[in-house]
Amino acid sequence: MTMDAGSLKLIHRLIAVGSSSLMQYVCESFPWYADPAHAAQDAVVAMAAAERDDAVRLSGFLAKRHLDQPAPATYPSHFTTINFCSLDYLLPKLVAEEGHTIAEVTTGLASCGDETVRGMVQGILDRRRQHLDTLKALAAPKPAAVPV
């Protein structure tokens, strides 16, 4: 089975993002967080899991169509400087990367000729926009505690 080059390139990019993004790395680098309830960490872990699930789904889609899988992606070497950092420090970086990925995928969607792929990618984009909103909320400055 064949697929247009734009659709295949977009799927390959999304699979790479789902396996080697900053969010994936952060979940494996043990970020420090001040919230004893772990709300921010739990939210980031859930978003990373959704990102991985999207990559697995897209990889399965390619396999069903007997199309090539992308080359395995690795984390960029500059990620190694953020091990054991505060999640508060990492959140603005996650916001920036998510915004960049959304812009990149939106641009790639214009050259996607396969309607099935367009539908799958649009669903992923919608979810990533929700993730971006969540990340922005988590990264927003917290009001200072008022002493009693």
N, C-alpha and C. Protein backbone atom coordinates (compact mmCIF):
# COMPACT_ATOMS: atom_id res chain seq x y z
N MET A 1 0.85 -1.17 0.00
CA MET A 1 0.00 0.00 0.00
C MET A 1 0.90 1.24 0.00
N THR A 2 0.45 2.29 -0.59
CA THR A 2 1.24 3.51 -0.66
C THR A 2 0.54 4.64 0.11
N MET A 3 1.32 5.67 0.34
CA MET A 3 0.80 6.85 1.01
C MET A 3 1.58 8.03 0.46
N ASP A 4 0.92 9.18 0.39
CA ASP A 4 1.62 10.36 -0.11
C ASP A 4 2.75 10.74 0.85
N ALA A 5 3.77 11.37 0.29
CA ALA A 5 4.98 11.70 1.06
C ALA A 5 4.69 12.63 2.23
N GLY A 6 3.79 13.58 2.06
CA GLY A 6 3.47 14.52 3.14
C GLY A 6 2.84 13.82 4.32
N SER A 7 1.94 12.89 4.06
CA SER A 7 1.28 12.15 5.15
C SER A 7 2.28 11.26 5.89
N LEU A 8 3.12 10.56 5.12
CA LEU A 8 4.11 9.67 5.73
C LEU A 8 5.12 10.46 6.56
N LYS A 9 5.57 11.59 6.05
CA LYS A 9 6.52 12.43 6.78
C LYS A 9 5.92 12.92 8.09
N LEU A 10 4.65 13.30 8.05
CA LEU A 10 3.97 13.79 9.25
C LEU A 10 3.83 12.68 10.28
N ILE A 11 3.45 11.50 9.85
CA ILE A 11 3.34 10.36 10.78
C ILE A 11 4.70 10.05 11.39
N HIS A 12 5.73 10.01 10.56
CA HIS A 12 7.07 9.73 11.07
C HIS A 12 7.48 10.77 12.11
N ARG A 13 7.18 12.03 11.87
CA ARG A 13 7.54 13.09 12.81
C ARG A 13 6.81 12.92 14.14
N LEU A 14 5.51 12.60 14.07
CA LEU A 14 4.73 12.43 15.29
C LEU A 14 5.20 11.20 16.09
N ILE A 15 5.62 10.15 15.41
CA ILE A 15 6.16 8.99 16.11
C ILE A 15 7.46 9.37 16.81
N ALA A 16 8.31 10.14 16.12
CA ALA A 16 9.57 10.58 16.74
C ALA A 16 9.29 11.46 17.96
N VAL A 17 8.34 12.37 17.84
CA VAL A 17 7.99 13.24 18.97
C VAL A 17 7.50 12.40 20.15
N GLY A 18 6.70 11.40 19.86
CA GLY A 18 6.13 10.57 20.92
C GLY A 18 7.14 9.67 21.61
N SER A 19 8.35 9.58 21.06
CA SER A 19 9.35 8.73 21.69
C SER A 19 10.58 9.49 22.16
N SER A 20 10.75 10.74 21.72
CA SER A 20 11.99 11.43 22.10
C SER A 20 11.78 12.91 22.40
N SER A 21 10.60 13.27 22.83
CA SER A 21 10.32 14.68 23.14
C SER A 21 10.86 15.04 24.52
N LEU A 22 10.88 16.32 24.79
CA LEU A 22 11.28 16.80 26.10
C LEU A 22 10.35 16.24 27.18
N MET A 23 9.06 16.16 26.87
CA MET A 23 8.11 15.65 27.86
C MET A 23 8.43 14.19 28.21
N GLN A 24 8.80 13.39 27.21
CA GLN A 24 9.17 12.01 27.47
C GLN A 24 10.42 11.96 28.36
N TYR A 25 11.38 12.81 28.04
CA TYR A 25 12.63 12.84 28.81
C TYR A 25 12.37 13.29 30.24
N VAL A 26 11.57 14.32 30.40
CA VAL A 26 11.28 14.83 31.74
C VAL A 26 10.69 13.73 32.62
N CYS A 27 9.82 12.93 32.05
CA CYS A 27 9.20 11.86 32.84
C CYS A 27 10.20 10.80 33.26
N GLU A 28 11.33 10.73 32.57
CA GLU A 28 12.36 9.75 32.91
C GLU A 28 13.53 10.36 33.68
N SER A 29 13.51 11.68 33.90
CA SER A 29 14.66 12.34 34.52
C SER A 29 14.43 12.74 35.97
N PHE A 30 13.37 12.27 36.56
CA PHE A 30 13.09 12.50 37.97
C PHE A 30 13.08 13.98 38.37
N PRO A 31 12.15 14.75 37.80
CA PRO A 31 12.11 16.17 38.18
C PRO A 31 11.68 16.33 39.64
N TRP A 32 12.19 17.37 40.25
CA TRP A 32 11.83 17.70 41.62
C TRP A 32 10.57 18.56 41.59
N TYR A 33 9.68 18.38 42.53
CA TYR A 33 8.45 19.17 42.60
C TYR A 33 8.11 19.42 44.06
N ALA A 34 7.58 20.61 44.30
CA ALA A 34 7.28 21.02 45.67
C ALA A 34 5.90 20.57 46.14
N ASP A 35 5.01 20.28 45.22
CA ASP A 35 3.63 19.94 45.55
C ASP A 35 3.56 18.52 46.14
N PRO A 36 3.23 18.40 47.43
CA PRO A 36 3.16 17.06 48.01
C PRO A 36 2.05 16.20 47.42
N ALA A 37 1.09 16.82 46.79
CA ALA A 37 0.00 16.06 46.17
C ALA A 37 0.40 15.54 44.79
N HIS A 38 1.51 16.01 44.25
CA HIS A 38 2.04 15.56 42.95
C HIS A 38 1.13 15.89 41.78
N ALA A 39 0.29 16.89 41.90
CA ALA A 39 -0.67 17.21 40.83
C ALA A 39 0.02 17.56 39.52
N ALA A 40 1.03 18.42 39.56
CA ALA A 40 1.72 18.81 38.33
C ALA A 40 2.46 17.63 37.73
N GLN A 41 3.15 16.88 38.57
CA GLN A 41 3.88 15.72 38.05
C GLN A 41 2.91 14.71 37.44
N ASP A 42 1.82 14.45 38.11
CA ASP A 42 0.83 13.50 37.58
C ASP A 42 0.28 13.97 36.24
N ALA A 43 0.05 15.28 36.10
CA ALA A 43 -0.46 15.82 34.84
C ALA A 43 0.56 15.65 33.72
N VAL A 44 1.83 15.93 34.00
CA VAL A 44 2.87 15.78 32.98
C VAL A 44 3.04 14.32 32.60
N VAL A 45 3.01 13.43 33.57
CA VAL A 45 3.13 12.00 33.28
C VAL A 45 1.96 11.52 32.41
N ALA A 46 0.75 11.99 32.70
CA ALA A 46 -0.42 11.62 31.90
C ALA A 46 -0.30 12.14 30.47
N MET A 47 0.19 13.38 30.31
CA MET A 47 0.37 13.93 28.96
C MET A 47 1.44 13.15 28.20
N ALA A 48 2.50 12.77 28.87
CA ALA A 48 3.56 11.98 28.22
C ALA A 48 3.02 10.62 27.80
N ALA A 49 2.19 10.02 28.63
CA ALA A 49 1.60 8.72 28.28
C ALA A 49 0.70 8.85 27.05
N ALA A 50 -0.08 9.93 26.98
CA ALA A 50 -0.93 10.15 25.80
C ALA A 50 -0.08 10.34 24.55
N GLU A 51 1.03 11.04 24.70
CA GLU A 51 1.94 11.27 23.58
C GLU A 51 2.52 9.93 23.09
N ARG A 52 2.94 9.08 24.03
CA ARG A 52 3.45 7.74 23.67
C ARG A 52 2.36 6.91 23.02
N ASP A 53 1.14 6.96 23.57
CA ASP A 53 0.03 6.19 23.00
C ASP A 53 -0.25 6.61 21.57
N ASP A 54 -0.17 7.93 21.29
CA ASP A 54 -0.36 8.41 19.92
C ASP A 54 0.70 7.83 19.00
N ALA A 55 1.94 7.80 19.47
CA ALA A 55 3.03 7.25 18.65
C ALA A 55 2.81 5.77 18.38
N VAL A 56 2.38 5.04 19.38
CA VAL A 56 2.12 3.60 19.21
C VAL A 56 0.98 3.39 18.21
N ARG A 57 -0.07 4.19 18.34
CA ARG A 57 -1.21 4.08 17.42
C ARG A 57 -0.78 4.37 15.98
N LEU A 58 0.02 5.41 15.79
CA LEU A 58 0.49 5.75 14.45
C LEU A 58 1.42 4.69 13.90
N SER A 59 2.25 4.12 14.74
CA SER A 59 3.15 3.05 14.32
C SER A 59 2.34 1.82 13.89
N GLY A 60 1.31 1.51 14.64
CA GLY A 60 0.43 0.40 14.27
C GLY A 60 -0.30 0.65 12.96
N PHE A 61 -0.70 1.89 12.75
CA PHE A 61 -1.35 2.29 11.49
C PHE A 61 -0.41 2.03 10.32
N LEU A 62 0.85 2.42 10.45
CA LEU A 62 1.83 2.16 9.39
C LEU A 62 2.03 0.67 9.17
N ALA A 63 2.11 -0.09 10.26
CA ALA A 63 2.31 -1.53 10.15
C ALA A 63 1.15 -2.20 9.42
N LYS A 64 -0.08 -1.80 9.73
CA LYS A 64 -1.25 -2.38 9.05
C LYS A 64 -1.22 -2.11 7.55
N ARG A 65 -0.65 -0.99 7.17
CA ARG A 65 -0.56 -0.63 5.75
C ARG A 65 0.76 -1.10 5.12
N HIS A 66 1.55 -1.83 5.88
CA HIS A 66 2.84 -2.36 5.40
C HIS A 66 3.75 -1.25 4.90
N LEU A 67 3.77 -0.14 5.66
CA LEU A 67 4.63 0.99 5.33
C LEU A 67 5.80 1.05 6.31
N ASP A 68 6.88 1.67 5.87
CA ASP A 68 8.09 1.74 6.68
C ASP A 68 7.86 2.52 7.96
N GLN A 69 8.48 2.01 9.01
CA GLN A 69 8.51 2.72 10.28
C GLN A 69 9.66 3.72 10.24
N PRO A 70 9.56 4.80 11.00
CA PRO A 70 10.68 5.74 11.03
C PRO A 70 11.87 5.12 11.76
N ALA A 71 13.05 5.67 11.50
CA ALA A 71 14.24 5.24 12.24
C ALA A 71 14.03 5.57 13.72
N PRO A 72 14.54 4.73 14.60
CA PRO A 72 14.38 5.02 16.03
C PRO A 72 14.95 6.39 16.38
N ALA A 73 14.20 7.12 17.17
CA ALA A 73 14.62 8.46 17.58
C ALA A 73 15.35 8.38 18.91
N THR A 74 16.28 9.29 19.10
CA THR A 74 16.99 9.38 20.38
C THR A 74 16.77 10.78 20.94
N TYR A 75 17.00 10.90 22.24
CA TYR A 75 16.87 12.21 22.86
C TYR A 75 18.04 13.09 22.42
N PRO A 76 17.79 14.37 22.18
CA PRO A 76 18.90 15.28 21.90
C PRO A 76 19.86 15.33 23.09
N SER A 77 21.14 15.47 22.82
CA SER A 77 22.13 15.44 23.90
C SER A 77 21.96 16.58 24.89
N HIS A 78 21.41 17.72 24.45
CA HIS A 78 21.25 18.83 25.39
C HIS A 78 20.21 18.55 26.48
N PHE A 79 19.39 17.52 26.30
CA PHE A 79 18.43 17.16 27.35
C PHE A 79 19.17 16.67 28.60
N THR A 80 20.37 16.16 28.45
CA THR A 80 21.08 15.59 29.60
C THR A 80 21.45 16.63 30.65
N THR A 81 21.28 17.90 30.33
CA THR A 81 21.58 18.95 31.31
C THR A 81 20.40 19.24 32.23
N ILE A 82 19.30 18.55 32.05
CA ILE A 82 18.12 18.87 32.86
C ILE A 82 17.71 17.74 33.80
N ASN A 83 18.59 16.82 34.07
CA ASN A 83 18.26 15.76 35.03
C ASN A 83 18.12 16.36 36.43
N PHE A 84 17.15 15.85 37.17
CA PHE A 84 16.93 16.23 38.56
C PHE A 84 16.68 17.73 38.75
N CYS A 85 16.04 18.36 37.78
CA CYS A 85 15.68 19.78 37.88
C CYS A 85 14.28 19.90 38.49
N SER A 86 13.96 21.09 38.90
CA SER A 86 12.62 21.37 39.40
C SER A 86 11.62 21.34 38.25
N LEU A 87 10.47 20.77 38.50
CA LEU A 87 9.42 20.77 37.49
C LEU A 87 9.01 22.20 37.17
N ASP A 88 9.05 23.09 38.16
CA ASP A 88 8.73 24.50 37.91
C ASP A 88 9.70 25.11 36.90
N TYR A 89 10.95 24.70 36.94
CA TYR A 89 11.95 25.16 35.98
C TYR A 89 11.68 24.59 34.59
N LEU A 90 11.20 23.34 34.54
CA LEU A 90 11.00 22.65 33.27
C LEU A 90 9.69 23.02 32.57
N LEU A 91 8.68 23.44 33.33
CA LEU A 91 7.37 23.71 32.72
C LEU A 91 7.42 24.75 31.59
N PRO A 92 8.11 25.88 31.73
CA PRO A 92 8.16 26.82 30.60
C PRO A 92 8.83 26.21 29.36
N LYS A 93 9.79 25.33 29.57
CA LYS A 93 10.44 24.64 28.44
C LYS A 93 9.45 23.68 27.78
N LEU A 94 8.64 23.01 28.59
CA LEU A 94 7.62 22.12 28.03
C LEU A 94 6.57 22.91 27.26
N VAL A 95 6.18 24.07 27.77
CA VAL A 95 5.22 24.94 27.07
C VAL A 95 5.78 25.33 25.71
N ALA A 96 7.04 25.75 25.69
CA ALA A 96 7.66 26.18 24.44
C ALA A 96 7.74 25.03 23.44
N GLU A 97 8.16 23.85 23.90
CA GLU A 97 8.26 22.72 22.98
C GLU A 97 6.89 22.30 22.46
N GLU A 98 5.90 22.28 23.33
CA GLU A 98 4.55 21.88 22.89
C GLU A 98 4.02 22.86 21.86
N GLY A 99 4.24 24.15 22.09
CA GLY A 99 3.81 25.16 21.11
C GLY A 99 4.52 24.98 19.78
N HIS A 100 5.81 24.70 19.82
CA HIS A 100 6.58 24.47 18.59
C HIS A 100 6.07 23.24 17.85
N THR A 101 5.81 22.16 18.58
CA THR A 101 5.32 20.93 17.96
C THR A 101 3.96 21.15 17.33
N ILE A 102 3.08 21.87 18.00
CA ILE A 102 1.76 22.16 17.45
C ILE A 102 1.89 22.94 16.15
N ALA A 103 2.76 23.94 16.14
CA ALA A 103 2.96 24.74 14.92
C ALA A 103 3.53 23.88 13.80
N GLU A 104 4.49 23.03 14.12
CA GLU A 104 5.10 22.15 13.12
C GLU A 104 4.09 21.17 12.53
N VAL A 105 3.29 20.57 13.38
CA VAL A 105 2.30 19.59 12.91
C VAL A 105 1.19 20.29 12.12
N THR A 106 0.77 21.46 12.57
CA THR A 106 -0.24 22.22 11.84
C THR A 106 0.24 22.54 10.43
N THR A 107 1.50 22.95 10.31
CA THR A 107 2.09 23.23 9.00
C THR A 107 2.15 21.95 8.16
N GLY A 108 2.57 20.85 8.76
CA GLY A 108 2.66 19.57 8.06
C GLY A 108 1.31 19.05 7.61
N LEU A 109 0.27 19.40 8.33
CA LEU A 109 -1.08 18.95 7.98
C LEU A 109 -1.50 19.48 6.62
N ALA A 110 -0.98 20.64 6.24
CA ALA A 110 -1.33 21.23 4.94
C ALA A 110 -0.86 20.36 3.77
N SER A 111 0.22 19.59 3.96
CA SER A 111 0.73 18.75 2.88
C SER A 111 0.31 17.29 3.02
N CYS A 112 -0.62 17.04 3.91
CA CYS A 112 -1.11 15.68 4.17
C CYS A 112 -2.29 15.40 3.25
N GLY A 113 -2.12 14.45 2.34
CA GLY A 113 -3.17 14.15 1.37
C GLY A 113 -4.08 13.00 1.75
N ASP A 114 -3.74 12.22 2.74
CA ASP A 114 -4.52 11.05 3.15
C ASP A 114 -5.57 11.49 4.18
N GLU A 115 -6.82 11.34 3.85
CA GLU A 115 -7.91 11.80 4.74
C GLU A 115 -7.92 11.06 6.07
N THR A 116 -7.61 9.78 6.06
CA THR A 116 -7.55 9.02 7.31
C THR A 116 -6.46 9.58 8.21
N VAL A 117 -5.31 9.85 7.62
CA VAL A 117 -4.20 10.43 8.38
C VAL A 117 -4.58 11.81 8.89
N ARG A 118 -5.22 12.61 8.04
CA ARG A 118 -5.64 13.95 8.46
C ARG A 118 -6.53 13.88 9.70
N GLY A 119 -7.46 12.95 9.70
CA GLY A 119 -8.36 12.79 10.85
C GLY A 119 -7.61 12.38 12.11
N MET A 120 -6.68 11.44 11.97
CA MET A 120 -5.89 11.00 13.12
C MET A 120 -5.04 12.15 13.67
N VAL A 121 -4.39 12.86 12.75
CA VAL A 121 -3.50 13.95 13.16
C VAL A 121 -4.31 15.10 13.77
N GLN A 122 -5.49 15.37 13.24
CA GLN A 122 -6.31 16.43 13.81
C GLN A 122 -6.70 16.10 15.25
N GLY A 123 -7.01 14.83 15.51
CA GLY A 123 -7.30 14.40 16.88
C GLY A 123 -6.10 14.58 17.80
N ILE A 124 -4.91 14.27 17.28
CA ILE A 124 -3.68 14.45 18.05
C ILE A 124 -3.44 15.93 18.31
N LEU A 125 -3.64 16.76 17.29
CA LEU A 125 -3.47 18.21 17.46
C LEU A 125 -4.43 18.77 18.51
N ASP A 126 -5.67 18.33 18.47
CA ASP A 126 -6.65 18.79 19.46
C ASP A 126 -6.19 18.44 20.88
N ARG A 127 -5.70 17.21 21.05
CA ARG A 127 -5.23 16.76 22.35
C ARG A 127 -3.99 17.57 22.77
N ARG A 128 -3.09 17.82 21.83
CA ARG A 128 -1.88 18.59 22.16
C ARG A 128 -2.23 20.02 22.54
N ARG A 129 -3.25 20.59 21.92
CA ARG A 129 -3.68 21.94 22.30
C ARG A 129 -4.22 21.95 23.74
N GLN A 130 -4.94 20.89 24.10
CA GLN A 130 -5.40 20.78 25.49
C GLN A 130 -4.21 20.64 26.44
N HIS A 131 -3.22 19.86 26.02
CA HIS A 131 -2.01 19.70 26.83
C HIS A 131 -1.30 21.04 26.99
N LEU A 132 -1.22 21.81 25.92
CA LEU A 132 -0.57 23.11 25.99
C LEU A 132 -1.29 24.01 27.00
N ASP A 133 -2.61 24.01 26.96
CA ASP A 133 -3.38 24.80 27.93
C ASP A 133 -3.07 24.36 29.37
N THR A 134 -3.01 23.05 29.57
CA THR A 134 -2.70 22.51 30.90
C THR A 134 -1.30 22.91 31.33
N LEU A 135 -0.33 22.79 30.42
CA LEU A 135 1.04 23.16 30.75
C LEU A 135 1.15 24.64 31.09
N LYS A 136 0.45 25.48 30.33
CA LYS A 136 0.47 26.91 30.62
C LYS A 136 -0.11 27.20 32.00
N ALA A 137 -1.18 26.51 32.34
CA ALA A 137 -1.78 26.70 33.67
C ALA A 137 -0.82 26.25 34.77
N LEU A 138 -0.14 25.13 34.54
CA LEU A 138 0.82 24.64 35.53
C LEU A 138 2.02 25.57 35.66
N ALA A 139 2.42 26.20 34.55
CA ALA A 139 3.59 27.08 34.54
C ALA A 139 3.28 28.49 35.03
N ALA A 140 2.00 28.82 35.13
CA ALA A 140 1.62 30.18 35.56
C ALA A 140 2.13 30.43 36.97
N PRO A 141 2.54 31.68 37.24
CA PRO A 141 3.02 32.01 38.59
C PRO A 141 1.93 31.72 39.62
N LYS A 142 2.34 31.15 40.72
CA LYS A 142 1.41 30.84 41.80
C LYS A 142 1.37 32.04 42.74
N PRO A 143 0.20 32.36 43.26
CA PRO A 143 0.12 33.47 44.22
C PRO A 143 0.91 33.11 45.48
N ALA A 144 1.57 34.10 46.03
CA ALA A 144 2.35 33.90 47.25
C ALA A 144 1.41 33.61 48.42
N ALA A 145 1.86 32.75 49.27
CA ALA A 145 1.08 32.43 50.46
C ALA A 145 1.06 33.65 51.39
N VAL A 146 -0.08 33.93 51.90
CA VAL A 146 -0.23 35.07 52.81
C VAL A 146 -0.07 34.55 54.23
N PRO A 147 0.90 35.11 54.98
CA PRO A 147 1.07 34.65 56.37
C PRO A 147 -0.14 35.06 57.21
N VAL A 148 -0.49 34.21 58.10
CA VAL A 148 -1.65 34.44 58.96
C VAL A 148 -1.22 34.97 60.29
